[in-house]
N, C-alpha and C. Protein backbone atom coordinates (compact mmCIF):
# COMPACT_ATOMS: atom_id res chain seq x y z
N MET A 1 10.96 6.87 10.61
CA MET A 1 10.52 8.05 9.86
C MET A 1 10.18 9.16 10.92
N VAL A 2 9.65 8.64 12.18
CA VAL A 2 9.48 9.62 13.08
C VAL A 2 10.49 10.47 13.58
N HIS A 3 11.57 9.64 14.06
CA HIS A 3 12.98 10.36 14.61
C HIS A 3 14.11 10.49 13.51
N GLY A 4 13.88 9.90 12.61
CA GLY A 4 15.04 10.18 11.41
C GLY A 4 14.38 11.14 10.27
N LEU A 5 13.45 11.22 10.16
CA LEU A 5 12.79 12.09 9.00
C LEU A 5 11.94 13.21 9.55
N PHE A 6 11.84 12.96 10.88
CA PHE A 6 10.68 14.09 11.62
C PHE A 6 9.34 14.02 11.02
N PHE A 7 8.91 13.12 10.69
CA PHE A 7 7.37 12.86 10.17
C PHE A 7 6.54 12.92 11.42
N PRO A 8 5.26 13.54 11.37
CA PRO A 8 4.35 13.10 12.67
C PRO A 8 3.88 12.01 12.58
N VAL A 9 3.66 11.42 13.83
CA VAL A 9 3.58 10.07 14.07
C VAL A 9 2.29 9.41 13.33
N HIS A 10 1.42 10.35 13.16
CA HIS A 10 0.22 9.68 12.39
C HIS A 10 0.38 9.88 10.87
N ALA A 11 1.21 10.43 10.29
CA ALA A 11 1.72 10.36 8.93
C ALA A 11 2.52 9.18 8.71
N ALA A 12 3.39 9.25 9.80
CA ALA A 12 4.14 7.68 9.66
C ALA A 12 3.68 6.63 9.80
N VAL A 13 2.62 6.45 10.51
CA VAL A 13 1.68 5.21 10.57
C VAL A 13 0.95 5.05 9.45
N ALA A 14 0.36 6.07 8.77
CA ALA A 14 -0.54 6.13 7.56
C ALA A 14 0.50 5.48 6.21
N THR A 15 1.59 6.01 6.18
CA THR A 15 2.61 5.64 5.30
C THR A 15 3.14 4.04 5.45
N SER A 16 3.19 3.61 6.62
CA SER A 16 3.66 2.46 7.09
C SER A 16 2.60 1.27 6.77
N GLU A 17 1.37 1.75 6.96
CA GLU A 17 0.34 0.59 6.58
C GLU A 17 -0.13 0.63 5.13
N PHE A 18 0.39 1.79 4.44
CA PHE A 18 -0.08 1.84 2.89
C PHE A 18 1.26 0.92 2.32
N VAL A 19 2.52 0.90 2.90
CA VAL A 19 3.28 -0.04 2.32
C VAL A 19 3.03 -1.35 2.76
N LEU A 20 2.61 -1.69 4.18
CA LEU A 20 2.35 -2.99 4.31
C LEU A 20 1.31 -3.52 3.34
N ALA A 21 0.27 -2.74 3.25
CA ALA A 21 -1.16 -3.17 2.19
C ALA A 21 -0.52 -3.47 0.98
N ALA A 22 0.37 -2.74 0.28
CA ALA A 22 0.82 -3.12 -1.02
C ALA A 22 1.62 -4.41 -0.89
N LYS A 23 2.53 -4.73 0.07
CA LYS A 23 3.20 -5.76 0.34
C LYS A 23 2.43 -6.89 0.30
N ALA A 24 1.29 -6.94 1.07
CA ALA A 24 0.30 -8.09 1.32
C ALA A 24 -0.40 -8.31 0.08
N VAL A 25 -0.93 -7.30 -0.71
CA VAL A 25 -1.54 -7.59 -1.85
C VAL A 25 -0.56 -8.39 -2.86
N SER A 26 0.64 -7.98 -2.96
CA SER A 26 1.62 -8.45 -3.71
C SER A 26 2.08 -10.14 -3.29
N ALA A 27 1.84 -10.25 -1.95
CA ALA A 27 2.26 -11.54 -1.60
C ALA A 27 1.13 -12.66 -1.73
N THR A 28 -0.16 -12.07 -1.58
CA THR A 28 -1.23 -12.71 -1.86
C THR A 28 -1.41 -13.05 -3.30
N GLY A 29 -1.09 -12.35 -4.25
CA GLY A 29 -0.96 -12.59 -5.73
C GLY A 29 -0.23 -13.75 -5.94
N VAL A 30 1.06 -13.89 -5.34
CA VAL A 30 1.98 -14.86 -5.53
C VAL A 30 1.40 -16.17 -5.06
N HIS A 31 0.58 -16.12 -3.59
CA HIS A 31 0.18 -17.24 -3.35
C HIS A 31 -0.99 -17.89 -4.00
N LEU A 32 -1.68 -17.07 -4.71
CA LEU A 32 -2.80 -17.24 -5.30
C LEU A 32 -2.18 -18.06 -6.76
N ALA A 33 -1.14 -17.43 -7.16
CA ALA A 33 -0.49 -17.90 -8.63
C ALA A 33 -0.08 -19.27 -8.44
N THR A 34 0.50 -19.75 -7.11
CA THR A 34 1.18 -21.11 -6.81
C THR A 34 0.10 -22.08 -6.31
N GLY A 35 -0.99 -21.45 -5.95
CA GLY A 35 -2.08 -22.14 -5.36
C GLY A 35 -1.96 -22.61 -4.07
N THR A 36 -1.19 -21.91 -3.31
CA THR A 36 -0.89 -22.12 -1.71
C THR A 36 -1.84 -21.64 -0.75
N LEU A 37 -2.67 -20.50 -1.55
CA LEU A 37 -3.51 -19.78 -0.55
C LEU A 37 -4.77 -20.57 -0.68
N LEU A 38 -5.11 -21.45 -1.48
CA LEU A 38 -6.39 -22.20 -1.57
C LEU A 38 -6.59 -23.13 -0.54
N THR A 39 -5.48 -23.78 0.09
CA THR A 39 -5.45 -24.77 0.65
C THR A 39 -5.74 -24.31 2.46
N ALA A 40 -5.52 -23.11 2.57
CA ALA A 40 -5.54 -22.65 3.76
C ALA A 40 -6.98 -21.25 3.87
N LEU A 41 -7.67 -21.42 2.81
CA LEU A 41 -8.80 -20.46 2.62
C LEU A 41 -9.61 -20.16 3.77
N PRO A 42 -9.94 -21.18 4.64
CA PRO A 42 -11.08 -20.56 5.82
C PRO A 42 -10.19 -19.73 6.78
N PRO A 43 -8.87 -19.97 7.31
CA PRO A 43 -8.23 -19.09 8.26
C PRO A 43 -7.84 -17.78 7.45
N VAL A 44 -7.55 -17.83 6.29
CA VAL A 44 -7.28 -16.72 5.29
C VAL A 44 -8.51 -15.69 5.45
N VAL A 45 -9.74 -16.15 5.10
CA VAL A 45 -10.83 -15.14 5.27
C VAL A 45 -11.05 -14.73 6.61
N ALA A 46 -11.11 -15.57 7.55
CA ALA A 46 -11.28 -15.04 8.83
C ALA A 46 -10.22 -13.89 9.36
N LEU A 47 -9.01 -14.32 9.17
CA LEU A 47 -8.05 -13.23 9.18
C LEU A 47 -7.97 -11.97 8.36
N SER A 48 -8.61 -11.79 7.08
CA SER A 48 -8.98 -10.56 6.29
C SER A 48 -10.03 -10.13 7.10
N VAL A 49 -11.14 -10.50 7.53
CA VAL A 49 -12.17 -9.96 7.95
C VAL A 49 -11.92 -9.15 9.32
N GLY A 50 -11.08 -9.87 10.20
CA GLY A 50 -10.61 -9.13 11.25
C GLY A 50 -9.65 -8.05 11.15
N VAL A 51 -8.59 -8.26 10.08
CA VAL A 51 -7.73 -6.96 9.74
C VAL A 51 -8.57 -6.04 9.40
N PHE A 52 -9.67 -6.18 8.53
CA PHE A 52 -10.20 -5.12 7.70
C PHE A 52 -11.07 -4.33 9.14
N PHE A 53 -11.85 -4.86 9.98
CA PHE A 53 -12.50 -4.20 11.08
C PHE A 53 -11.60 -3.75 11.99
N GLY A 54 -10.31 -4.36 12.15
CA GLY A 54 -9.37 -3.98 13.27
C GLY A 54 -8.81 -2.54 12.73
N ALA A 55 -8.47 -2.72 11.51
CA ALA A 55 -8.04 -1.45 10.78
C ALA A 55 -8.81 -0.01 11.02
N GLN A 56 -10.25 -0.52 10.84
CA GLN A 56 -11.24 0.67 10.80
C GLN A 56 -10.92 1.24 12.40
N VAL A 57 -11.13 0.15 13.40
CA VAL A 57 -11.27 0.65 14.80
C VAL A 57 -9.97 1.51 15.15
N GLY A 58 -8.95 1.00 14.45
CA GLY A 58 -7.43 1.35 15.01
C GLY A 58 -7.27 2.94 14.43
N ALA A 59 -8.06 3.11 13.17
CA ALA A 59 -7.84 4.30 12.65
C ALA A 59 -8.79 5.27 13.50
N HIS A 60 -9.73 4.98 13.80
CA HIS A 60 -10.70 5.80 14.40
C HIS A 60 -10.06 6.19 15.93
N LEU A 61 -9.35 5.21 16.73
CA LEU A 61 -8.96 5.41 17.94
C LEU A 61 -7.56 6.36 17.77
N SER A 62 -6.92 6.34 16.61
CA SER A 62 -5.78 6.91 16.58
C SER A 62 -5.89 8.45 16.49
N SER A 63 -7.16 9.00 16.16
CA SER A 63 -7.65 10.37 16.11
C SER A 63 -7.76 10.85 17.36
N TYR A 64 -8.00 9.77 18.46
CA TYR A 64 -8.13 10.36 19.72
C TYR A 64 -6.73 10.27 20.51
N LEU A 65 -5.63 9.75 20.20
CA LEU A 65 -4.43 9.50 20.73
C LEU A 65 -3.25 10.28 20.24
N HIS A 66 -2.69 10.76 21.25
CA HIS A 66 -1.58 11.59 20.99
C HIS A 66 -0.39 10.67 20.36
N GLY A 67 0.50 11.46 19.40
CA GLY A 67 1.70 10.42 18.90
C GLY A 67 2.51 9.87 19.81
N ALA A 68 2.71 10.34 20.99
CA ALA A 68 3.48 9.27 21.98
C ALA A 68 3.17 8.25 22.36
N TRP A 69 1.73 8.37 22.64
CA TRP A 69 1.16 7.17 23.03
C TRP A 69 1.05 6.10 21.96
N ILE A 70 0.89 6.48 20.60
CA ILE A 70 0.79 5.52 19.72
C ILE A 70 2.23 4.71 19.74
N MET A 71 3.41 5.60 19.67
CA MET A 71 4.70 5.17 19.92
C MET A 71 4.98 4.26 20.86
N ARG A 72 4.44 4.46 22.02
CA ARG A 72 4.40 3.97 23.29
C ARG A 72 3.87 2.23 22.92
N ALA A 73 2.69 2.50 22.76
CA ALA A 73 1.81 1.20 22.11
C ALA A 73 2.66 0.28 21.11
N LEU A 74 3.30 1.12 20.17
CA LEU A 74 4.10 0.34 19.16
C LEU A 74 5.23 -0.48 19.79
N ALA A 75 6.26 0.33 20.69
CA ALA A 75 7.40 -0.35 21.48
C ALA A 75 6.93 -1.52 22.35
N VAL A 76 5.69 -1.51 22.99
CA VAL A 76 5.05 -2.57 24.04
C VAL A 76 4.82 -3.46 22.91
N SER A 77 3.96 -3.37 21.85
CA SER A 77 3.79 -4.67 20.88
C SER A 77 5.08 -5.32 20.25
N LEU A 78 6.15 -4.40 19.97
CA LEU A 78 7.42 -5.01 19.49
C LEU A 78 8.07 -5.69 20.52
N GLY A 79 7.85 -5.25 21.60
CA GLY A 79 8.49 -5.90 22.88
C GLY A 79 8.10 -7.38 22.98
N PHE A 80 6.64 -7.41 22.95
CA PHE A 80 6.04 -8.69 23.12
C PHE A 80 6.46 -9.64 21.96
N ILE A 81 6.38 -9.16 20.89
CA ILE A 81 6.65 -10.07 19.49
C ILE A 81 8.32 -10.59 19.88
N GLY A 82 9.22 -9.59 20.14
CA GLY A 82 10.42 -10.12 20.72
C GLY A 82 10.60 -10.96 21.67
N VAL A 83 10.00 -11.00 22.83
CA VAL A 83 9.97 -11.82 23.80
C VAL A 83 9.12 -13.27 23.36
N ARG A 84 8.35 -13.30 22.49
CA ARG A 84 7.94 -14.48 21.82
C ARG A 84 8.93 -15.25 20.81
N PHE A 85 9.39 -14.41 20.07
CA PHE A 85 10.54 -15.04 19.45
C PHE A 85 11.61 -15.67 20.01
N LEU A 86 12.06 -15.03 21.43
CA LEU A 86 13.17 -15.33 22.20
C LEU A 86 12.41 -16.79 22.98
N LEU A 87 11.26 -16.86 23.20
CA LEU A 87 10.59 -18.17 23.91
C LEU A 87 10.59 -19.34 22.96
N VAL A 88 9.87 -18.79 21.85
CA VAL A 88 9.43 -20.08 20.91
C VAL A 88 10.36 -20.37 19.83
N GLY A 89 11.16 -19.18 19.55
CA GLY A 89 12.40 -19.23 18.14
C GLY A 89 11.40 -18.90 17.05
N VAL A 90 12.36 -18.40 16.05
CA VAL A 90 11.84 -17.75 14.99
C VAL A 90 11.40 -18.81 14.00
């Protein structure tokens, strides 16, 4: 979105987070309907609490960061994920 559509980085991040939140709600509904979410309830609750507070901290910190630094942090994060996929397997 940043390079192709020339969105500001902060707007692109907010848009992506909104889409991810909608997908997460949809997936949670599917898992609730099939009953698979209830078998892993403690880790799901812990992850949900961490995501909630982490999102607040990230939103606050992003107001202090220039868009280029956000892009660099995303690139480094994706690089680590890629290396992990190569080492562990998908």
